[in-house]
Every structure is written in C-alpha cells, then in structure tokens.
Amino acid sequence: MKKKAILISMYLVTLLSLLYTIGSLIVGSVLIGLFNKDYSNPDDYTTETIIIGSIDYGADYICLESNDVDQYQQFMLEGSNYDFVINNDIESTLSVGDQIMITYGPKGFGDSFDYPIVMLEKASTTLLDYETGFNNLNEISELVQKSFYSSLMVPLGALFLSLSGSIYITIRYIKSNK
C-alpha cells in the first residue's frame, strides 16, 4: 500500500510539472509576442519632425513627449541608445519646445508601449545616428528573446526530473510486484 501511495504521488508530481511546463510555454509565448516586437525590418521605422512637449530623464531611460495635441505620442531611449545619447550630452542639448527629427520603431518595446527612438537630431547636431540606434535596439530585442528561452530551462528541467523519477519508481514498483 505504501508503494502504491508513493507511485501515485510521483504521478501527481509529474502531472503538475507537465502542467507547469505547458503553462509556462503558453504564458511565455503570449508575453514574448506582446512585449517583444521584431525590430529587424527597416521598413517598419518612421522618420518625422516633432516639437518636444516634455522630457523625462529617468535613471536608465529618456522619455520624450510630442506636444502635438491631436496625436499624443511618447518616444523612448533605453539601453545602449540611452547610454549613447547621455555620452553625447543630450541633457544640455535638448529642452522643451525644441524641434527635433527622430526615427522610431513600432510601439511596444519591453514593458512600455512607447516608440523606441533609433535616430535623433537637433538642427545639425546628431545625438544618435540611425545605424547605431538600429543595431542597439535589435541587440536588446535579441537579448530579451534569449532570456525568455533560457528562463524555460527551469520548467523543462522540473518536467525532466519528475518524469525520470516517475519512470524509475514505476520500474521499481513493477519489479517488486513480480
């Protein structure tokens, strides 16, 4: 009777591990689809001139808002692009009311729904060139995907261990009942 209880317990652990793995795959796939866009297509980018309505300098991001009242938009500089413009002294170069030219990608990078900036110019001063910005953004996007896939190792490992344990205990149970 004790052996049967252990066998049933192992089957339950295996079933829970399987459900956990399937749930992780489903939720992860949905989240990666929502939060990580494909930024590798240059045709998805838009270049336009805006007038800065506000600037928010965060610890690791800069958020620029357009002052266009008909179409509220936020544009973000994050990661390597943030570091690049900080090194180019963006804080002393830009101010509210300035007219700037930007190139930005589609919405939804990371956990924000703002447009990621890949090129930023004010008059004749280039604070972030397109090639650098584009490459930096795509590197971050690839890192997000890789970290998602590596985070699946935990549920897959749990499933493997529980399946191995269940098979081992089942074999021992069958041998002991012969």
N, C-alpha and C. Protein backbone atom coordinates (compact mmCIF):
# COMPACT_ATOMS: atom_id res chain seq x y z
N MET A 1 0.82 -1.19 0.00
CA MET A 1 0.00 0.00 0.00
C MET A 1 0.87 1.27 0.00
N LYS A 2 1.97 1.21 0.77
CA LYS A 2 2.87 2.36 0.84
C LYS A 2 3.51 2.62 -0.51
N LYS A 3 3.88 1.55 -1.22
CA LYS A 3 4.49 1.70 -2.53
C LYS A 3 3.51 2.34 -3.52
N LYS A 4 2.25 1.93 -3.41
CA LYS A 4 1.22 2.48 -4.30
C LYS A 4 1.03 3.98 -4.05
N ALA A 5 1.07 4.39 -2.79
CA ALA A 5 0.92 5.80 -2.44
C ALA A 5 2.09 6.62 -2.99
N ILE A 6 3.28 6.08 -2.92
CA ILE A 6 4.46 6.76 -3.46
C ILE A 6 4.33 6.87 -4.98
N LEU A 7 3.88 5.81 -5.61
CA LEU A 7 3.70 5.79 -7.06
C LEU A 7 2.67 6.85 -7.48
N ILE A 8 1.57 6.90 -6.79
CA ILE A 8 0.53 7.90 -7.10
C ILE A 8 1.06 9.31 -6.87
N SER A 9 1.82 9.50 -5.80
CA SER A 9 2.41 10.82 -5.53
C SER A 9 3.34 11.25 -6.65
N MET A 10 4.16 10.33 -7.12
CA MET A 10 5.08 10.66 -8.22
C MET A 10 4.32 11.00 -9.49
N TYR A 11 3.24 10.27 -9.76
CA TYR A 11 2.44 10.59 -10.94
C TYR A 11 1.81 11.98 -10.82
N LEU A 12 1.39 12.33 -9.63
CA LEU A 12 0.81 13.67 -9.41
C LEU A 12 1.87 14.76 -9.59
N VAL A 13 3.06 14.52 -9.08
CA VAL A 13 4.15 15.48 -9.25
C VAL A 13 4.49 15.64 -10.72
N THR A 14 4.51 14.52 -11.44
CA THR A 14 4.79 14.58 -12.88
C THR A 14 3.70 15.34 -13.61
N LEU A 15 2.46 15.08 -13.27
CA LEU A 15 1.34 15.79 -13.90
C LEU A 15 1.42 17.29 -13.62
N LEU A 16 1.72 17.65 -12.37
CA LEU A 16 1.85 19.07 -12.02
C LEU A 16 3.02 19.72 -12.77
N SER A 17 4.13 18.99 -12.89
CA SER A 17 5.28 19.51 -13.63
C SER A 17 4.93 19.71 -15.10
N LEU A 18 4.18 18.78 -15.65
CA LEU A 18 3.75 18.90 -17.04
C LEU A 18 2.85 20.12 -17.22
N LEU A 19 1.89 20.29 -16.33
CA LEU A 19 1.00 21.46 -16.39
C LEU A 19 1.78 22.76 -16.22
N TYR A 20 2.75 22.77 -15.30
CA TYR A 20 3.59 23.95 -15.08
C TYR A 20 4.38 24.29 -16.34
N THR A 21 4.94 23.28 -16.98
CA THR A 21 5.72 23.49 -18.21
C THR A 21 4.84 24.01 -19.33
N ILE A 22 3.70 23.39 -19.53
CA ILE A 22 2.79 23.83 -20.59
C ILE A 22 2.31 25.25 -20.31
N GLY A 23 1.96 25.54 -19.06
CA GLY A 23 1.53 26.89 -18.69
C GLY A 23 2.62 27.91 -18.93
N SER A 24 3.85 27.58 -18.57
CA SER A 24 4.98 28.49 -18.79
C SER A 24 5.20 28.76 -20.27
N LEU A 25 5.08 27.72 -21.07
CA LEU A 25 5.24 27.90 -22.52
C LEU A 25 4.15 28.79 -23.10
N ILE A 26 2.92 28.57 -22.68
CA ILE A 26 1.81 29.36 -23.21
C ILE A 26 1.91 30.81 -22.77
N VAL A 27 2.08 31.03 -21.47
CA VAL A 27 2.18 32.40 -20.95
C VAL A 27 3.40 33.09 -21.52
N GLY A 28 4.53 32.40 -21.57
CA GLY A 28 5.75 32.99 -22.12
C GLY A 28 5.61 33.36 -23.58
N SER A 29 4.98 32.51 -24.35
CA SER A 29 4.78 32.80 -25.78
C SER A 29 3.89 34.02 -25.98
N VAL A 30 2.86 34.12 -25.17
CA VAL A 30 1.97 35.29 -25.27
C VAL A 30 2.72 36.55 -24.87
N LEU A 31 3.46 36.49 -23.77
CA LEU A 31 4.19 37.67 -23.31
C LEU A 31 5.29 38.09 -24.28
N ILE A 32 6.02 37.14 -24.82
CA ILE A 32 7.09 37.49 -25.76
C ILE A 32 6.48 38.11 -27.01
N GLY A 33 5.30 37.66 -27.40
CA GLY A 33 4.62 38.25 -28.54
C GLY A 33 4.12 39.65 -28.27
N LEU A 34 3.67 39.91 -27.04
CA LEU A 34 3.16 41.23 -26.69
C LEU A 34 4.26 42.24 -26.45
N PHE A 35 5.30 41.82 -25.74
CA PHE A 35 6.30 42.77 -25.27
C PHE A 35 7.56 42.85 -26.11
N ASN A 36 7.76 41.94 -27.00
CA ASN A 36 9.00 41.97 -27.77
C ASN A 36 8.67 41.94 -29.25
N LYS A 37 8.70 43.08 -29.85
CA LYS A 37 8.40 43.20 -31.28
C LYS A 37 9.65 42.86 -32.09
N ASP A 38 9.44 42.58 -33.35
CA ASP A 38 10.55 42.36 -34.26
C ASP A 38 10.95 43.72 -34.83
N TYR A 39 12.15 44.15 -34.51
CA TYR A 39 12.63 45.46 -34.95
C TYR A 39 13.64 45.36 -36.08
N SER A 40 13.74 44.18 -36.72
CA SER A 40 14.79 43.98 -37.71
C SER A 40 14.43 44.51 -39.10
N ASN A 41 13.18 44.87 -39.34
CA ASN A 41 12.76 45.35 -40.66
C ASN A 41 12.83 46.87 -40.73
N PRO A 42 13.77 47.43 -41.49
CA PRO A 42 13.91 48.89 -41.57
C PRO A 42 12.66 49.59 -42.12
N ASP A 43 11.81 48.87 -42.84
CA ASP A 43 10.59 49.46 -43.38
C ASP A 43 9.56 49.79 -42.31
N ASP A 44 9.73 49.21 -41.10
CA ASP A 44 8.79 49.46 -40.02
C ASP A 44 9.07 50.76 -39.27
N TYR A 45 10.12 51.45 -39.63
CA TYR A 45 10.54 52.67 -38.92
C TYR A 45 9.97 53.91 -39.61
N THR A 46 9.73 54.93 -38.80
CA THR A 46 9.17 56.19 -39.30
C THR A 46 10.09 57.33 -38.91
N THR A 47 10.29 58.26 -39.83
CA THR A 47 11.08 59.46 -39.53
C THR A 47 10.15 60.66 -39.61
N GLU A 48 10.20 61.49 -38.58
CA GLU A 48 9.40 62.70 -38.60
C GLU A 48 10.02 63.77 -37.69
N THR A 49 9.55 64.97 -37.90
CA THR A 49 9.99 66.10 -37.08
C THR A 49 8.91 66.37 -36.04
N ILE A 50 9.34 66.49 -34.79
CA ILE A 50 8.39 66.80 -33.71
C ILE A 50 8.91 67.98 -32.90
N ILE A 51 8.01 68.57 -32.15
CA ILE A 51 8.38 69.59 -31.16
C ILE A 51 8.21 68.94 -29.80
N ILE A 52 9.25 69.03 -28.99
CA ILE A 52 9.25 68.36 -27.68
C ILE A 52 8.27 69.06 -26.73
N GLY A 53 7.32 68.28 -26.21
CA GLY A 53 6.36 68.80 -25.23
C GLY A 53 6.85 68.60 -23.80
N SER A 54 7.56 67.50 -23.55
CA SER A 54 8.15 67.26 -22.23
C SER A 54 9.28 66.25 -22.37
N ILE A 55 10.19 66.30 -21.40
CA ILE A 55 11.33 65.38 -21.36
C ILE A 55 11.39 64.79 -19.96
N ASP A 56 11.46 63.48 -19.87
CA ASP A 56 11.60 62.80 -18.58
C ASP A 56 12.92 62.04 -18.60
N TYR A 57 13.87 62.50 -17.78
CA TYR A 57 15.16 61.82 -17.67
C TYR A 57 15.08 60.84 -16.49
N GLY A 58 14.94 59.57 -16.79
CA GLY A 58 14.94 58.55 -15.76
C GLY A 58 16.35 58.05 -15.51
N ALA A 59 16.47 57.11 -14.59
CA ALA A 59 17.79 56.56 -14.25
C ALA A 59 18.40 55.78 -15.41
N ASP A 60 17.56 55.15 -16.22
CA ASP A 60 18.08 54.35 -17.34
C ASP A 60 17.23 54.51 -18.61
N TYR A 61 16.54 55.60 -18.70
CA TYR A 61 15.73 55.88 -19.89
C TYR A 61 15.52 57.39 -20.03
N ILE A 62 15.15 57.78 -21.24
CA ILE A 62 14.71 59.15 -21.50
C ILE A 62 13.41 59.03 -22.28
N CYS A 63 12.39 59.72 -21.82
CA CYS A 63 11.10 59.71 -22.48
C CYS A 63 10.83 61.11 -23.03
N LEU A 64 10.64 61.19 -24.33
CA LEU A 64 10.30 62.45 -24.99
C LEU A 64 8.84 62.39 -25.40
N GLU A 65 8.09 63.44 -25.08
CA GLU A 65 6.70 63.50 -25.49
C GLU A 65 6.53 64.61 -26.52
N SER A 66 5.75 64.29 -27.52
CA SER A 66 5.44 65.27 -28.55
C SER A 66 4.40 66.25 -28.00
N ASN A 67 4.48 67.50 -28.43
CA ASN A 67 3.48 68.46 -27.96
C ASN A 67 2.28 68.55 -28.89
N ASP A 68 2.19 67.64 -29.85
CA ASP A 68 1.07 67.59 -30.78
C ASP A 68 -0.19 67.15 -30.02
N VAL A 69 -1.13 68.08 -29.82
CA VAL A 69 -2.32 67.77 -29.02
C VAL A 69 -3.27 66.83 -29.76
N ASP A 70 -3.18 66.78 -31.08
CA ASP A 70 -4.05 65.89 -31.84
C ASP A 70 -3.61 64.44 -31.78
N GLN A 71 -2.34 64.23 -31.56
CA GLN A 71 -1.81 62.87 -31.54
C GLN A 71 -0.74 62.76 -30.46
N TYR A 72 -1.15 62.36 -29.25
CA TYR A 72 -0.22 62.21 -28.13
C TYR A 72 0.71 61.02 -28.39
N GLN A 73 2.01 61.28 -28.35
CA GLN A 73 2.99 60.21 -28.57
C GLN A 73 4.14 60.35 -27.59
N GLN A 74 4.64 59.19 -27.15
CA GLN A 74 5.84 59.15 -26.32
C GLN A 74 6.90 58.36 -27.06
N PHE A 75 8.13 58.84 -26.93
CA PHE A 75 9.26 58.21 -27.60
C PHE A 75 10.32 57.92 -26.54
N MET A 76 10.91 56.71 -26.60
CA MET A 76 11.83 56.28 -25.56
C MET A 76 13.24 56.04 -26.08
N LEU A 77 14.19 56.37 -25.23
CA LEU A 77 15.59 55.99 -25.41
C LEU A 77 15.95 55.13 -24.21
N GLU A 78 16.31 53.87 -24.48
CA GLU A 78 16.64 52.94 -23.40
C GLU A 78 17.88 52.15 -23.76
N GLY A 79 18.43 51.48 -22.78
CA GLY A 79 19.57 50.58 -23.01
C GLY A 79 20.77 51.30 -23.60
N SER A 80 21.37 50.69 -24.59
CA SER A 80 22.58 51.24 -25.22
C SER A 80 22.32 52.58 -25.90
N ASN A 81 21.10 52.77 -26.42
CA ASN A 81 20.77 54.05 -27.05
C ASN A 81 20.71 55.17 -26.01
N TYR A 82 20.22 54.85 -24.83
CA TYR A 82 20.23 55.81 -23.72
C TYR A 82 21.67 56.18 -23.38
N ASP A 83 22.52 55.18 -23.20
CA ASP A 83 23.93 55.43 -22.87
C ASP A 83 24.60 56.28 -23.94
N PHE A 84 24.29 56.01 -25.19
CA PHE A 84 24.90 56.72 -26.30
C PHE A 84 24.54 58.21 -26.27
N VAL A 85 23.25 58.53 -26.08
CA VAL A 85 22.86 59.95 -26.09
C VAL A 85 23.30 60.67 -24.81
N ILE A 86 23.38 59.96 -23.71
CA ILE A 86 23.91 60.58 -22.48
C ILE A 86 25.36 60.97 -22.70
N ASN A 87 26.14 60.08 -23.35
CA ASN A 87 27.53 60.40 -23.67
C ASN A 87 27.65 61.55 -24.66
N ASN A 88 26.61 61.75 -25.47
CA ASN A 88 26.59 62.88 -26.41
C ASN A 88 25.96 64.13 -25.81
N ASP A 89 25.82 64.15 -24.50
CA ASP A 89 25.37 65.33 -23.75
C ASP A 89 23.97 65.81 -24.15
N ILE A 90 23.04 64.87 -24.21
CA ILE A 90 21.67 65.20 -24.59
C ILE A 90 21.01 66.17 -23.62
N GLU A 91 21.36 66.07 -22.34
CA GLU A 91 20.71 66.91 -21.33
C GLU A 91 20.96 68.39 -21.54
N SER A 92 22.12 68.75 -22.05
CA SER A 92 22.38 70.18 -22.29
C SER A 92 21.99 70.59 -23.71
N THR A 93 21.67 69.61 -24.55
CA THR A 93 21.34 69.91 -25.94
C THR A 93 19.84 70.08 -26.18
N LEU A 94 19.03 69.24 -25.52
CA LEU A 94 17.58 69.28 -25.74
C LEU A 94 16.85 70.00 -24.61
N SER A 95 15.79 70.70 -24.99
CA SER A 95 14.89 71.29 -23.99
C SER A 95 13.47 71.31 -24.56
N VAL A 96 12.52 71.49 -23.69
CA VAL A 96 11.11 71.54 -24.09
C VAL A 96 10.93 72.67 -25.09
N GLY A 97 10.18 72.38 -26.15
CA GLY A 97 9.93 73.36 -27.21
C GLY A 97 10.87 73.23 -28.40
N ASP A 98 11.94 72.45 -28.27
CA ASP A 98 12.87 72.25 -29.38
C ASP A 98 12.21 71.42 -30.49
N GLN A 99 12.58 71.74 -31.70
CA GLN A 99 12.16 70.94 -32.85
C GLN A 99 13.28 69.95 -33.15
N ILE A 100 12.91 68.67 -33.20
CA ILE A 100 13.90 67.62 -33.45
C ILE A 100 13.40 66.69 -34.54
N MET A 101 14.34 66.01 -35.17
CA MET A 101 14.00 64.96 -36.13
C MET A 101 14.36 63.63 -35.50
N ILE A 102 13.40 62.70 -35.53
CA ILE A 102 13.64 61.38 -34.96
C ILE A 102 13.21 60.30 -35.95
N THR A 103 13.84 59.15 -35.81
CA THR A 103 13.39 57.93 -36.47
C THR A 103 13.06 56.96 -35.36
N TYR A 104 11.88 56.37 -35.43
CA TYR A 104 11.45 55.49 -34.36
C TYR A 104 10.81 54.22 -34.93
N GLY A 105 10.84 53.18 -34.09
CA GLY A 105 10.28 51.89 -34.48
C GLY A 105 8.84 51.76 -34.04
N PRO A 106 8.27 50.59 -34.31
CA PRO A 106 6.89 50.34 -33.90
C PRO A 106 6.78 50.31 -32.38
N LYS A 107 5.57 50.51 -31.89
CA LYS A 107 5.32 50.54 -30.44
C LYS A 107 5.63 49.21 -29.77
N GLY A 108 5.79 49.29 -28.46
CA GLY A 108 5.77 48.10 -27.64
C GLY A 108 7.07 47.46 -27.30
N PHE A 109 8.15 48.20 -27.16
CA PHE A 109 9.39 47.55 -26.76
C PHE A 109 9.40 47.31 -25.26
N GLY A 110 9.83 46.13 -24.88
CA GLY A 110 9.96 45.81 -23.46
C GLY A 110 8.63 45.90 -22.75
N ASP A 111 8.60 46.54 -21.60
CA ASP A 111 7.36 46.64 -20.84
C ASP A 111 6.66 47.98 -21.04
N SER A 112 7.07 48.74 -22.04
CA SER A 112 6.41 50.01 -22.31
C SER A 112 5.67 49.91 -23.64
N PHE A 113 4.84 50.89 -23.89
CA PHE A 113 4.13 50.94 -25.15
C PHE A 113 4.51 52.20 -25.91
N ASP A 114 5.72 52.66 -25.68
CA ASP A 114 6.23 53.86 -26.32
C ASP A 114 7.04 53.48 -27.54
N TYR A 115 7.24 54.46 -28.39
CA TYR A 115 8.02 54.22 -29.61
C TYR A 115 9.51 54.30 -29.29
N PRO A 116 10.28 53.28 -29.66
CA PRO A 116 11.73 53.32 -29.41
C PRO A 116 12.44 54.18 -30.47
N ILE A 117 13.23 55.12 -30.02
CA ILE A 117 13.97 56.01 -30.92
C ILE A 117 15.26 55.34 -31.36
N VAL A 118 15.54 55.40 -32.68
CA VAL A 118 16.79 54.86 -33.20
C VAL A 118 17.64 55.93 -33.89
N MET A 119 17.09 57.13 -34.07
CA MET A 119 17.86 58.26 -34.63
C MET A 119 17.29 59.54 -34.03
N LEU A 120 18.20 60.44 -33.64
CA LEU A 120 17.79 61.70 -33.02
C LEU A 120 18.72 62.81 -33.46
N GLU A 121 18.14 63.85 -34.06
CA GLU A 121 18.91 65.02 -34.50
C GLU A 121 18.22 66.29 -34.07
N LYS A 122 19.03 67.27 -33.70
CA LYS A 122 18.52 68.61 -33.43
C LYS A 122 19.35 69.57 -34.29
N ALA A 123 18.69 70.23 -35.21
CA ALA A 123 19.36 71.11 -36.18
C ALA A 123 20.45 70.30 -36.89
N SER A 124 21.68 70.68 -36.76
CA SER A 124 22.76 69.95 -37.44
C SER A 124 23.51 69.01 -36.49
N THR A 125 23.00 68.86 -35.27
CA THR A 125 23.66 68.01 -34.27
C THR A 125 22.98 66.64 -34.23
N THR A 126 23.76 65.61 -34.53
CA THR A 126 23.24 64.24 -34.45
C THR A 126 23.59 63.67 -33.08
N LEU A 127 22.56 63.42 -32.27
CA LEU A 127 22.77 62.85 -30.94
C LEU A 127 22.80 61.32 -30.98
N LEU A 128 22.09 60.74 -31.96
CA LEU A 128 22.09 59.29 -32.14
C LEU A 128 21.89 59.02 -33.63
N ASP A 129 22.91 58.41 -34.26
CA ASP A 129 22.78 58.12 -35.69
C ASP A 129 21.96 56.84 -35.88
N TYR A 130 21.33 56.75 -37.05
CA TYR A 130 20.40 55.66 -37.34
C TYR A 130 21.06 54.28 -37.23
N GLU A 131 22.21 54.10 -37.80
CA GLU A 131 22.86 52.79 -37.81
C GLU A 131 23.14 52.30 -36.39
N THR A 132 23.68 53.19 -35.56
CA THR A 132 23.98 52.82 -34.17
C THR A 132 22.69 52.50 -33.41
N GLY A 133 21.70 53.38 -33.53
CA GLY A 133 20.44 53.19 -32.83
C GLY A 133 19.71 51.93 -33.25
N PHE A 134 19.68 51.68 -34.54
CA PHE A 134 19.02 50.49 -35.09
C PHE A 134 19.69 49.23 -34.57
N ASN A 135 21.02 49.17 -34.64
CA ASN A 135 21.75 47.99 -34.17
C ASN A 135 21.58 47.78 -32.67
N ASN A 136 21.65 48.87 -31.89
CA ASN A 136 21.48 48.75 -30.44
C ASN A 136 20.10 48.20 -30.08
N LEU A 137 19.07 48.72 -30.74
CA LEU A 137 17.71 48.27 -30.44
C LEU A 137 17.53 46.79 -30.78
N ASN A 138 18.08 46.37 -31.88
CA ASN A 138 17.95 44.96 -32.28
C ASN A 138 18.75 44.04 -31.37
N GLU A 139 19.88 44.51 -30.84
CA GLU A 139 20.63 43.71 -29.87
C GLU A 139 19.81 43.49 -28.61
N ILE A 140 19.16 44.55 -28.12
CA ILE A 140 18.33 44.43 -26.92
C ILE A 140 17.17 43.47 -27.18
N SER A 141 16.55 43.59 -28.33
CA SER A 141 15.43 42.72 -28.69
C SER A 141 15.86 41.26 -28.71
N GLU A 142 17.03 40.97 -29.26
CA GLU A 142 17.54 39.60 -29.29
C GLU A 142 17.85 39.10 -27.88
N LEU A 143 18.38 39.98 -27.00
CA LEU A 143 18.66 39.57 -25.63
C LEU A 143 17.39 39.22 -24.88
N VAL A 144 16.32 39.97 -25.12
CA VAL A 144 15.04 39.68 -24.47
C VAL A 144 14.55 38.30 -24.89
N GLN A 145 14.64 37.99 -26.18
CA GLN A 145 14.22 36.68 -26.66
C GLN A 145 15.08 35.57 -26.07
N LYS A 146 16.39 35.77 -26.02
CA LYS A 146 17.27 34.75 -25.46
C LYS A 146 16.99 34.52 -23.98
N SER A 147 16.75 35.59 -23.23
CA SER A 147 16.48 35.43 -21.80
C SER A 147 15.15 34.71 -21.58
N PHE A 148 14.18 34.95 -22.47
CA PHE A 148 12.92 34.21 -22.38
C PHE A 148 13.16 32.72 -22.56
N TYR A 149 13.89 32.37 -23.60
CA TYR A 149 14.12 30.96 -23.87
C TYR A 149 14.96 30.30 -22.78
N SER A 150 15.91 31.02 -22.22
CA SER A 150 16.70 30.42 -21.14
C SER A 150 15.88 30.29 -19.86
N SER A 151 14.87 31.15 -19.67
CA SER A 151 14.02 31.02 -18.48
C SER A 151 13.12 29.79 -18.57
N LEU A 152 12.96 29.23 -19.75
CA LEU A 152 12.18 28.00 -19.90
C LEU A 152 12.93 26.77 -19.40
N MET A 153 14.21 26.92 -19.12
CA MET A 153 15.00 25.78 -18.67
C MET A 153 14.51 25.26 -17.31
N VAL A 154 14.02 26.14 -16.46
CA VAL A 154 13.55 25.71 -15.14
C VAL A 154 12.34 24.80 -15.25
N PRO A 155 11.25 25.22 -15.95
CA PRO A 155 10.12 24.29 -16.04
C PRO A 155 10.45 23.02 -16.84
N LEU A 156 11.27 23.14 -17.86
CA LEU A 156 11.65 21.95 -18.62
C LEU A 156 12.51 21.01 -17.77
N GLY A 157 13.38 21.57 -16.96
CA GLY A 157 14.19 20.76 -16.04
C GLY A 157 13.34 20.07 -15.00
N ALA A 158 12.35 20.79 -14.47
CA ALA A 158 11.44 20.18 -13.48
C ALA A 158 10.66 19.04 -14.11
N LEU A 159 10.21 19.23 -15.35
CA LEU A 159 9.49 18.17 -16.04
C LEU A 159 10.39 16.96 -16.26
N PHE A 160 11.61 17.18 -16.70
CA PHE A 160 12.54 16.08 -16.93
C PHE A 160 12.80 15.30 -15.65
N LEU A 161 13.05 16.02 -14.55
CA LEU A 161 13.33 15.34 -13.28
C LEU A 161 12.13 14.54 -12.79
N SER A 162 10.94 15.13 -12.89
CA SER A 162 9.77 14.41 -12.40
C SER A 162 9.44 13.21 -13.29
N LEU A 163 9.62 13.36 -14.60
CA LEU A 163 9.40 12.21 -15.49
C LEU A 163 10.41 11.11 -15.21
N SER A 164 11.66 11.48 -15.02
CA SER A 164 12.70 10.49 -14.70
C SER A 164 12.37 9.77 -13.40
N GLY A 165 11.98 10.53 -12.40
CA GLY A 165 11.63 9.93 -11.11
C GLY A 165 10.43 9.00 -11.23
N SER A 166 9.43 9.42 -11.99
CA SER A 166 8.24 8.59 -12.17
C SER A 166 8.58 7.29 -12.88
N ILE A 167 9.39 7.37 -13.91
CA ILE A 167 9.78 6.16 -14.64
C ILE A 167 10.57 5.22 -13.74
N TYR A 168 11.50 5.78 -12.98
CA TYR A 168 12.31 4.97 -12.08
C TYR A 168 11.44 4.27 -11.04
N ILE A 169 10.55 5.02 -10.41
CA ILE A 169 9.70 4.44 -9.36
C ILE A 169 8.73 3.42 -9.95
N THR A 170 8.22 3.69 -11.15
CA THR A 170 7.32 2.74 -11.82
C THR A 170 8.05 1.43 -12.10
N ILE A 171 9.27 1.51 -12.60
CA ILE A 171 10.05 0.30 -12.89
C ILE A 171 10.31 -0.47 -11.60
N ARG A 172 10.68 0.24 -10.54
CA ARG A 172 10.93 -0.44 -9.25
C ARG A 172 9.66 -1.07 -8.71
N TYR A 173 8.53 -0.40 -8.91
CA TYR A 173 7.25 -0.92 -8.42
C TYR A 173 6.88 -2.20 -9.18
N ILE A 174 7.07 -2.18 -10.51
CA ILE A 174 6.76 -3.34 -11.33
C ILE A 174 7.66 -4.51 -10.94
N LYS A 175 8.96 -4.25 -10.76
CA LYS A 175 9.90 -5.32 -10.38
C LYS A 175 9.57 -5.90 -9.02
N SER A 176 9.15 -5.07 -8.07
CA SER A 176 8.86 -5.58 -6.72
C SER A 176 7.57 -6.37 -6.66
N ASN A 177 6.69 -6.19 -7.63
CA ASN A 177 5.42 -6.95 -7.64
C ASN A 177 5.49 -8.24 -8.47
N LYS A 178 6.65 -8.57 -8.98
CA LYS A 178 6.78 -9.81 -9.75
C LYS A 178 6.98 -10.99 -8.86
